[in-house]
């Protein structure tokens, strides 16, 4: 299940429990709407409460990332999961976005909103 909060060119996604293909498609719709009306979008994925995701979500993420490789500005991922870190590294190969992983919500939100972080952060 996901919760979306869309404000201007920023999309906050909170994933709780199982991250399904239906959830990911809901996220895709929000991104496409943001691109249409705002241009480049910034995204905060809060994955701290995500229990799992399916292989079809992973494939869809790669497909969507390649299709929209220049439509993201900043992507903040809030998680300490090693698989999420690996997925983040893979997405960097397909996207021009600045992708960073965070363990602090306030820092992630500030960075997605455009704040610059000290060199050691992110």
N, C-alpha and C. Protein backbone atom coordinates (compact mmCIF):
# COMPACT_ATOMS: atom_id res chain seq x y z
N UNK A 1 0.84 -1.17 0.00
CA UNK A 1 0.00 0.00 0.00
C UNK A 1 0.89 1.24 0.00
N UNK A 2 0.45 2.27 -0.74
CA UNK A 2 1.20 3.52 -0.75
C UNK A 2 0.30 4.68 -0.39
N UNK A 3 0.95 5.72 0.07
CA UNK A 3 0.33 7.00 0.34
C UNK A 3 1.09 8.02 -0.48
N UNK A 4 0.39 8.82 -1.29
CA UNK A 4 1.03 9.83 -2.12
C UNK A 4 0.68 11.22 -1.61
N UNK A 5 1.67 12.09 -1.57
CA UNK A 5 1.47 13.50 -1.25
C UNK A 5 2.13 14.30 -2.36
N UNK A 6 1.32 14.95 -3.20
CA UNK A 6 1.83 15.68 -4.35
C UNK A 6 1.68 17.18 -4.10
N UNK A 7 2.80 17.88 -4.19
CA UNK A 7 2.81 19.34 -4.01
C UNK A 7 3.75 19.94 -5.04
N UNK A 8 3.16 20.70 -5.95
CA UNK A 8 3.92 21.31 -7.05
C UNK A 8 4.72 20.24 -7.76
N UNK A 9 6.05 20.39 -7.79
CA UNK A 9 6.88 19.41 -8.51
C UNK A 9 7.46 18.34 -7.58
N UNK A 10 6.91 18.22 -6.37
CA UNK A 10 7.41 17.24 -5.41
C UNK A 10 6.36 16.17 -5.12
N UNK A 11 6.83 14.92 -5.12
CA UNK A 11 5.95 13.80 -4.82
C UNK A 11 6.57 13.01 -3.67
N UNK A 12 5.83 12.89 -2.59
CA UNK A 12 6.27 12.08 -1.46
C UNK A 12 5.49 10.77 -1.51
N UNK A 13 6.22 9.66 -1.47
CA UNK A 13 5.62 8.33 -1.54
C UNK A 13 5.98 7.59 -0.27
N UNK A 14 4.96 7.19 0.48
CA UNK A 14 5.17 6.40 1.69
C UNK A 14 4.66 4.99 1.41
N UNK A 15 5.57 4.01 1.43
CA UNK A 15 5.19 2.63 1.15
C UNK A 15 5.06 1.89 2.47
N UNK A 16 3.90 1.21 2.64
CA UNK A 16 3.65 0.46 3.86
C UNK A 16 3.28 -0.97 3.48
N UNK A 17 3.96 -1.93 4.07
CA UNK A 17 3.67 -3.33 3.78
C UNK A 17 4.20 -3.74 2.42
N UNK A 18 3.39 -4.49 1.69
CA UNK A 18 3.75 -5.00 0.36
C UNK A 18 3.63 -3.88 -0.68
N UNK A 19 4.68 -3.66 -1.47
CA UNK A 19 4.67 -2.69 -2.56
C UNK A 19 4.29 -3.45 -3.82
N UNK A 20 3.06 -3.23 -4.30
CA UNK A 20 2.52 -4.01 -5.41
C UNK A 20 2.65 -3.26 -6.73
N UNK A 21 2.44 -3.99 -7.81
CA UNK A 21 2.47 -3.38 -9.14
C UNK A 21 1.37 -2.33 -9.26
N UNK A 22 0.22 -2.58 -8.68
CA UNK A 22 -0.86 -1.59 -8.68
C UNK A 22 -0.43 -0.30 -7.97
N UNK A 23 0.29 -0.43 -6.85
CA UNK A 23 0.82 0.73 -6.15
C UNK A 23 1.80 1.49 -7.03
N UNK A 24 2.69 0.76 -7.68
CA UNK A 24 3.69 1.41 -8.51
C UNK A 24 3.03 2.15 -9.67
N UNK A 25 1.99 1.58 -10.24
CA UNK A 25 1.28 2.25 -11.35
C UNK A 25 0.59 3.53 -10.85
N UNK A 26 0.12 3.53 -9.61
CA UNK A 26 -0.45 4.74 -9.03
C UNK A 26 0.62 5.83 -8.93
N UNK A 27 1.82 5.43 -8.51
CA UNK A 27 2.96 6.35 -8.47
C UNK A 27 3.28 6.88 -9.87
N UNK A 28 3.29 5.99 -10.87
CA UNK A 28 3.58 6.40 -12.24
C UNK A 28 2.60 7.47 -12.72
N UNK A 29 1.33 7.29 -12.40
CA UNK A 29 0.31 8.28 -12.81
C UNK A 29 0.60 9.64 -12.18
N UNK A 30 0.98 9.65 -10.92
CA UNK A 30 1.31 10.91 -10.24
C UNK A 30 2.52 11.57 -10.89
N UNK A 31 3.53 10.77 -11.23
CA UNK A 31 4.72 11.31 -11.88
C UNK A 31 4.37 11.89 -13.25
N UNK A 32 3.63 11.16 -14.04
CA UNK A 32 3.26 11.63 -15.38
C UNK A 32 2.44 12.92 -15.30
N UNK A 33 1.55 13.00 -14.32
CA UNK A 33 0.78 14.24 -14.11
C UNK A 33 1.73 15.37 -13.74
N UNK A 34 2.66 15.11 -12.84
CA UNK A 34 3.63 16.13 -12.44
C UNK A 34 4.49 16.59 -13.59
N UNK A 35 4.94 15.68 -14.41
CA UNK A 35 5.76 16.03 -15.58
C UNK A 35 4.95 16.91 -16.52
N UNK A 36 3.71 16.54 -16.75
CA UNK A 36 2.86 17.29 -17.68
C UNK A 36 2.66 18.73 -17.21
N UNK A 37 2.46 18.94 -15.91
CA UNK A 37 2.11 20.26 -15.41
C UNK A 37 3.25 21.01 -14.72
N UNK A 38 4.30 20.30 -14.30
CA UNK A 38 5.39 20.95 -13.57
C UNK A 38 6.75 20.81 -14.25
N UNK A 39 6.86 19.91 -15.20
CA UNK A 39 8.17 19.64 -15.80
C UNK A 39 8.88 18.57 -14.99
N UNK A 40 10.11 18.81 -14.65
CA UNK A 40 10.91 17.86 -13.88
C UNK A 40 10.32 17.73 -12.47
N UNK A 41 10.25 16.49 -11.96
CA UNK A 41 9.70 16.24 -10.63
C UNK A 41 10.80 15.72 -9.69
N UNK A 42 10.61 16.02 -8.42
CA UNK A 42 11.47 15.51 -7.36
C UNK A 42 10.64 14.56 -6.51
N UNK A 43 11.25 13.47 -6.07
CA UNK A 43 10.50 12.41 -5.38
C UNK A 43 11.20 12.03 -4.07
N UNK A 44 10.39 11.83 -3.06
CA UNK A 44 10.86 11.27 -1.78
C UNK A 44 10.14 9.94 -1.58
N UNK A 45 10.91 8.86 -1.58
CA UNK A 45 10.37 7.53 -1.29
C UNK A 45 10.69 7.21 0.16
N UNK A 46 9.66 7.07 0.99
CA UNK A 46 9.84 6.63 2.37
C UNK A 46 9.54 5.13 2.40
N UNK A 47 10.59 4.34 2.45
CA UNK A 47 10.47 2.88 2.39
C UNK A 47 10.71 2.22 3.74
N UNK A 48 10.71 2.98 4.80
CA UNK A 48 11.00 2.42 6.13
C UNK A 48 9.97 1.39 6.57
N UNK A 49 8.73 1.51 6.11
CA UNK A 49 7.68 0.57 6.51
C UNK A 49 7.34 -0.44 5.41
N UNK A 50 8.15 -0.47 4.36
CA UNK A 50 7.91 -1.44 3.29
C UNK A 50 8.41 -2.81 3.75
N UNK A 51 7.56 -3.82 3.61
CA UNK A 51 7.95 -5.17 3.99
C UNK A 51 8.58 -5.92 2.83
N UNK A 52 8.02 -5.74 1.62
CA UNK A 52 8.54 -6.43 0.45
C UNK A 52 7.95 -5.84 -0.82
N UNK A 53 8.54 -6.24 -1.93
CA UNK A 53 8.00 -5.88 -3.24
C UNK A 53 8.23 -7.06 -4.16
N UNK A 54 7.45 -7.11 -5.22
CA UNK A 54 7.52 -8.26 -6.12
C UNK A 54 8.46 -7.97 -7.30
N UNK A 55 8.83 -9.02 -8.00
CA UNK A 55 9.72 -8.90 -9.14
C UNK A 55 9.10 -8.02 -10.22
N UNK A 56 7.77 -8.12 -10.40
CA UNK A 56 7.14 -7.29 -11.43
C UNK A 56 7.25 -5.81 -11.10
N UNK A 57 7.30 -5.44 -9.83
CA UNK A 57 7.52 -4.04 -9.45
C UNK A 57 8.94 -3.62 -9.82
N UNK A 58 9.91 -4.48 -9.57
CA UNK A 58 11.30 -4.17 -9.91
C UNK A 58 11.47 -3.96 -11.41
N UNK A 59 10.87 -4.83 -12.22
CA UNK A 59 10.96 -4.68 -13.67
C UNK A 59 10.25 -3.42 -14.14
N UNK A 60 9.10 -3.13 -13.57
CA UNK A 60 8.35 -1.93 -13.95
C UNK A 60 9.14 -0.68 -13.58
N UNK A 61 9.82 -0.72 -12.44
CA UNK A 61 10.64 0.41 -12.01
C UNK A 61 11.75 0.67 -13.03
N UNK A 62 12.41 -0.37 -13.49
CA UNK A 62 13.47 -0.20 -14.48
C UNK A 62 12.90 0.34 -15.79
N UNK A 63 11.79 -0.23 -16.24
CA UNK A 63 11.17 0.23 -17.48
C UNK A 63 10.78 1.70 -17.40
N UNK A 64 10.10 2.06 -16.32
CA UNK A 64 9.63 3.43 -16.13
C UNK A 64 10.81 4.40 -16.00
N UNK A 65 11.83 3.98 -15.29
CA UNK A 65 13.03 4.81 -15.12
C UNK A 65 13.69 5.10 -16.46
N UNK A 66 13.80 4.10 -17.28
CA UNK A 66 14.40 4.30 -18.61
C UNK A 66 13.55 5.21 -19.48
N UNK A 67 12.24 5.03 -19.42
CA UNK A 67 11.31 5.83 -20.22
C UNK A 67 11.31 7.30 -19.80
N UNK A 68 11.56 7.56 -18.53
CA UNK A 68 11.52 8.92 -17.98
C UNK A 68 12.88 9.33 -17.41
N UNK A 69 13.94 8.91 -18.04
CA UNK A 69 15.29 9.12 -17.50
C UNK A 69 15.66 10.58 -17.27
N UNK A 70 15.05 11.50 -18.00
CA UNK A 70 15.37 12.92 -17.83
C UNK A 70 14.25 13.72 -17.17
N UNK A 71 13.26 13.05 -16.62
CA UNK A 71 12.09 13.73 -16.05
C UNK A 71 12.14 13.89 -14.53
N UNK A 72 13.21 13.41 -13.92
CA UNK A 72 13.36 13.52 -12.47
C UNK A 72 14.55 14.42 -12.16
N UNK A 73 14.39 15.27 -11.16
CA UNK A 73 15.50 16.11 -10.71
C UNK A 73 16.24 15.43 -9.57
N UNK A 74 15.55 15.31 -8.44
CA UNK A 74 16.13 14.69 -7.25
C UNK A 74 15.21 13.56 -6.79
N UNK A 75 15.83 12.46 -6.38
CA UNK A 75 15.10 11.34 -5.80
C UNK A 75 15.77 11.00 -4.48
N UNK A 76 15.03 11.17 -3.39
CA UNK A 76 15.51 10.82 -2.06
C UNK A 76 14.86 9.52 -1.64
N UNK A 77 15.66 8.61 -1.13
CA UNK A 77 15.15 7.32 -0.67
C UNK A 77 15.45 7.19 0.81
N UNK A 78 14.40 7.04 1.58
CA UNK A 78 14.52 6.93 3.02
C UNK A 78 14.43 5.46 3.40
N UNK A 79 15.59 4.85 3.67
CA UNK A 79 15.64 3.42 3.98
C UNK A 79 17.06 3.05 4.41
N UNK A 80 17.15 1.95 5.15
CA UNK A 80 18.47 1.42 5.49
C UNK A 80 18.63 -0.01 4.97
N UNK A 81 17.72 -0.41 4.09
CA UNK A 81 17.73 -1.76 3.52
C UNK A 81 18.80 -1.89 2.44
N UNK A 82 19.60 -2.96 2.48
CA UNK A 82 20.67 -3.16 1.50
C UNK A 82 20.13 -3.38 0.09
N UNK A 83 19.00 -4.06 -0.05
CA UNK A 83 18.42 -4.28 -1.38
C UNK A 83 17.96 -2.97 -1.99
N UNK A 84 17.45 -2.09 -1.17
CA UNK A 84 17.04 -0.77 -1.66
C UNK A 84 18.26 -0.01 -2.14
N UNK A 85 19.36 -0.10 -1.42
CA UNK A 85 20.61 0.54 -1.83
C UNK A 85 21.08 0.00 -3.18
N UNK A 86 20.98 -1.30 -3.34
CA UNK A 86 21.38 -1.92 -4.60
C UNK A 86 20.49 -1.44 -5.74
N UNK A 87 19.19 -1.39 -5.52
CA UNK A 87 18.24 -0.91 -6.52
C UNK A 87 18.52 0.54 -6.89
N UNK A 88 18.86 1.35 -5.90
CA UNK A 88 19.19 2.75 -6.13
C UNK A 88 20.41 2.86 -7.05
N UNK A 89 21.40 2.04 -6.81
CA UNK A 89 22.61 2.04 -7.64
C UNK A 89 22.26 1.65 -9.08
N UNK A 90 21.42 0.64 -9.26
CA UNK A 90 20.99 0.21 -10.60
C UNK A 90 20.26 1.35 -11.32
N UNK A 91 19.36 2.03 -10.62
CA UNK A 91 18.59 3.12 -11.25
C UNK A 91 19.48 4.26 -11.71
N UNK A 92 20.60 4.47 -11.04
CA UNK A 92 21.52 5.52 -11.47
C UNK A 92 22.05 5.26 -12.88
N UNK A 93 22.08 4.00 -13.28
CA UNK A 93 22.55 3.67 -14.63
C UNK A 93 21.56 4.12 -15.70
N UNK A 94 20.29 4.21 -15.35
CA UNK A 94 19.24 4.51 -16.32
C UNK A 94 18.70 5.94 -16.26
N UNK A 95 19.07 6.69 -15.23
CA UNK A 95 18.46 8.00 -15.03
C UNK A 95 19.51 9.09 -14.89
N UNK A 96 19.11 10.31 -15.25
CA UNK A 96 20.00 11.45 -15.06
C UNK A 96 19.74 12.14 -13.72
N UNK A 97 18.79 11.65 -12.95
CA UNK A 97 18.43 12.25 -11.66
C UNK A 97 19.55 12.10 -10.65
N UNK A 98 19.57 13.02 -9.70
CA UNK A 98 20.45 12.92 -8.55
C UNK A 98 19.71 12.06 -7.52
N UNK A 99 20.21 10.86 -7.25
CA UNK A 99 19.54 9.91 -6.36
C UNK A 99 20.38 9.74 -5.11
N UNK A 100 19.77 9.96 -3.96
CA UNK A 100 20.49 9.82 -2.68
C UNK A 100 19.65 9.05 -1.68
N UNK A 101 20.35 8.34 -0.82
CA UNK A 101 19.68 7.58 0.24
C UNK A 101 19.87 8.32 1.56
N UNK A 102 18.82 8.34 2.36
CA UNK A 102 18.83 9.05 3.65
C UNK A 102 18.32 8.13 4.75
N UNK A 103 18.71 8.45 5.97
CA UNK A 103 18.13 7.77 7.13
C UNK A 103 17.41 8.77 8.03
N UNK A 104 17.35 10.04 7.61
CA UNK A 104 16.69 11.09 8.36
C UNK A 104 15.62 11.75 7.48
N UNK A 105 14.36 11.70 7.91
CA UNK A 105 13.25 12.23 7.12
C UNK A 105 13.40 13.73 6.86
N UNK A 106 13.74 14.50 7.87
CA UNK A 106 13.84 15.95 7.70
C UNK A 106 14.91 16.32 6.67
N UNK A 107 16.04 15.64 6.71
CA UNK A 107 17.10 15.91 5.72
C UNK A 107 16.64 15.53 4.32
N UNK A 108 15.96 14.40 4.20
CA UNK A 108 15.47 13.96 2.89
C UNK A 108 14.47 14.96 2.34
N UNK A 109 13.54 15.41 3.17
CA UNK A 109 12.54 16.38 2.72
C UNK A 109 13.18 17.69 2.30
N UNK A 110 14.14 18.17 3.09
CA UNK A 110 14.81 19.42 2.76
C UNK A 110 15.58 19.30 1.44
N UNK A 111 16.26 18.19 1.25
CA UNK A 111 17.04 18.01 0.02
C UNK A 111 16.13 17.93 -1.20
N UNK A 112 15.02 17.18 -1.11
CA UNK A 112 14.08 17.08 -2.23
C UNK A 112 13.51 18.46 -2.57
N UNK A 113 13.33 19.31 -1.55
CA UNK A 113 12.80 20.65 -1.76
C UNK A 113 13.83 21.61 -2.34
N UNK A 114 15.09 21.17 -2.44
CA UNK A 114 16.10 21.99 -3.09
C UNK A 114 17.25 22.44 -2.21
N UNK A 115 17.23 22.09 -0.94
CA UNK A 115 18.33 22.50 -0.06
C UNK A 115 19.62 21.78 -0.45
N UNK A 116 20.70 22.47 -0.26
CA UNK A 116 22.02 21.86 -0.45
C UNK A 116 22.44 21.24 0.88
N UNK A 117 23.09 20.09 0.80
CA UNK A 117 23.53 19.39 1.99
C UNK A 117 25.04 19.45 2.10
N UNK A 118 25.56 19.35 3.33
CA UNK A 118 27.00 19.27 3.50
C UNK A 118 27.54 18.06 2.72
N UNK A 119 28.79 18.11 2.33
CA UNK A 119 29.39 17.04 1.51
C UNK A 119 29.26 15.65 2.14
N UNK A 120 29.28 15.55 3.46
CA UNK A 120 29.21 14.23 4.12
C UNK A 120 27.80 13.69 4.18
N UNK A 121 26.79 14.52 3.96
CA UNK A 121 25.40 14.07 4.06
C UNK A 121 24.95 13.43 2.77
N UNK A 122 23.87 12.62 2.89
CA UNK A 122 23.24 12.01 1.72
C UNK A 122 23.95 10.79 1.34
